[in-house]
Each structure stands twice: as structure tokens, then as C-alpha cells.
């Protein structure tokens, strides 16, 4: 992940948790480690499509506010959207 951040210049990691069938503390630990690595690389991190049980576990261990939920349809890390010169500045 950190190599991908460096190579692309991305400033945010989006972790797609939609396929996580049974969220558990191992998933929480993995997400916490990914977020730490992203932060050390100077990037933020959000979780896309988290199961309510996962967000509950994150809140339970005090990590709920550290992860912002990605908007639906947002491309994952490494997928760059084309920007046209005529697009308005965000």
C-alpha cells in the first residue's frame, strides 16, 4: 500500500470492506494497521461499504471516528479519475 501511495501520489486510501462476510477483531486490527501505515505515509484512509457490525466494532474499541466512510461509487486506491481542463475546481 505504501509503495502504491508513493508511486501514485495519492493522499487517501479507500478500503473496500463490502466483501467482508463476518467482521471480527482480526478485521479491526488489520484496518487499524492499514490506517497507521497510511498515516505514516502521509495519507488518510476511509472504509467503503462497511457492514454495520464492523462500524460497531470500530466504535466499541474507540476507532470509529478514525475512519470516514467512502461514498458509494468512489474508485479504490490506484484508480485515477480523468480530469478535464474544463472541469470546475473542487
Protein backbone atom coordinates (compact mmCIF):
# COMPACT_ATOMS: atom_id res chain seq x y z
CA UNK A 1 0.00 0.00 0.00
CA UNK A 2 2.72 2.48 0.90
CA UNK A 3 4.51 1.77 -2.37
CA UNK A 4 1.27 2.43 -4.22
CA UNK A 5 0.81 5.71 -2.37
CA UNK A 6 4.31 6.81 -3.25
CA UNK A 7 4.01 5.72 -6.88
CA UNK A 8 0.66 7.42 -7.50
CA UNK A 9 0.95 10.40 -5.19
CA UNK A 10 -2.46 9.52 -3.73
CA UNK A 11 -3.37 11.23 -0.48
CA UNK A 12 -6.10 8.85 0.61
CA UNK A 13 -6.61 5.11 0.83
CA UNK A 14 -10.10 3.71 0.30
CA UNK A 15 -10.50 0.20 1.72
CA UNK A 16 -13.46 -1.72 0.27
CA UNK A 17 -14.92 -3.77 3.11
CA UNK A 18 -18.02 -4.87 1.20
CA UNK A 19 -16.85 -8.46 0.78
CA UNK A 20 -16.06 -8.92 4.48
CA UNK A 21 -18.60 -11.56 5.50
CA UNK A 22 -18.11 -11.71 9.25
CA UNK A 23 -16.39 -8.68 10.77
CA UNK A 24 -14.31 -9.59 13.78
CA UNK A 25 -11.45 -8.21 15.84
CA UNK A 26 -8.93 -9.54 13.32
CA UNK A 27 -10.54 -7.30 10.69
CA UNK A 28 -10.47 -4.36 13.11
CA UNK A 29 -6.77 -4.97 13.80
CA UNK A 30 -5.98 -5.23 10.08
CA UNK A 31 -7.82 -1.97 9.38
CA UNK A 32 -6.06 -0.24 12.27
CA UNK A 33 -2.67 -1.38 10.94
CA UNK A 34 -3.55 -0.24 7.41
CA UNK A 35 -4.63 3.14 8.73
CA UNK A 36 -1.41 3.51 10.69
CA UNK A 37 0.65 2.66 7.60
CA UNK A 38 -1.38 5.13 5.52
CA UNK A 39 -0.91 7.84 8.11
CA UNK A 40 2.82 7.23 8.29
CA UNK A 41 2.88 7.61 4.50
CA UNK A 42 1.06 10.93 4.82
CA UNK A 43 -2.32 9.69 3.60
CA UNK A 44 -5.79 9.41 5.06
CA UNK A 45 -7.96 6.30 4.99
CA UNK A 46 -11.65 5.61 4.58
CA UNK A 47 -13.68 2.40 4.50
CA UNK A 48 -16.11 1.78 1.65
CA UNK A 49 -19.29 -0.23 2.22
CA UNK A 50 -18.65 -1.29 5.84
CA UNK A 51 -21.04 -3.74 7.44
CA UNK A 52 -22.86 -2.17 10.41
CA UNK A 53 -21.27 -4.83 12.61
CA UNK A 54 -17.82 -3.63 11.53
CA UNK A 55 -18.62 0.00 12.28
CA UNK A 56 -19.99 -1.16 15.64
CA UNK A 57 -16.77 -3.00 16.45
CA UNK A 58 -14.69 0.01 15.40
CA UNK A 59 -16.78 2.23 17.66
CA UNK A 60 -16.55 -0.28 20.51
CA UNK A 61 -12.75 -0.18 20.52
CA UNK A 62 -12.62 3.59 20.06
CA UNK A 63 -11.66 3.64 16.37
CA UNK A 64 -15.00 4.67 14.90
CA UNK A 65 -14.09 8.32 14.40
CA UNK A 66 -10.76 7.47 12.77
CA UNK A 67 -12.40 6.02 9.69
CA UNK A 68 -14.64 8.04 7.41
CA UNK A 69 -16.96 6.06 5.17
CA UNK A 70 -16.25 6.42 1.45
CA UNK A 71 -19.06 7.45 -0.81
CA UNK A 72 -20.66 4.76 -2.91
CA UNK A 73 -19.21 4.52 -6.39
CA UNK A 74 -15.87 6.05 -5.40
CA UNK A 75 -12.92 4.39 -7.12
CA UNK A 76 -10.50 2.37 -4.95
CA UNK A 77 -6.87 3.35 -4.39
CA UNK A 78 -4.86 3.30 -7.57
CA UNK A 79 -7.78 4.11 -9.84
CA UNK A 80 -7.41 7.63 -11.12
CA UNK A 81 -10.32 9.63 -12.49
CA UNK A 82 -9.64 11.68 -15.57
CA UNK A 83 -9.85 15.41 -15.04
CA UNK A 84 -10.73 17.58 -17.97
CA UNK A 85 -9.26 21.09 -18.22
CA UNK A 86 -12.82 22.42 -18.39
CA UNK A 87 -13.85 20.75 -15.09
CA UNK A 88 -14.56 23.27 -12.30
CA UNK A 89 -12.10 23.29 -9.42
CA UNK A 90 -13.34 21.41 -6.36
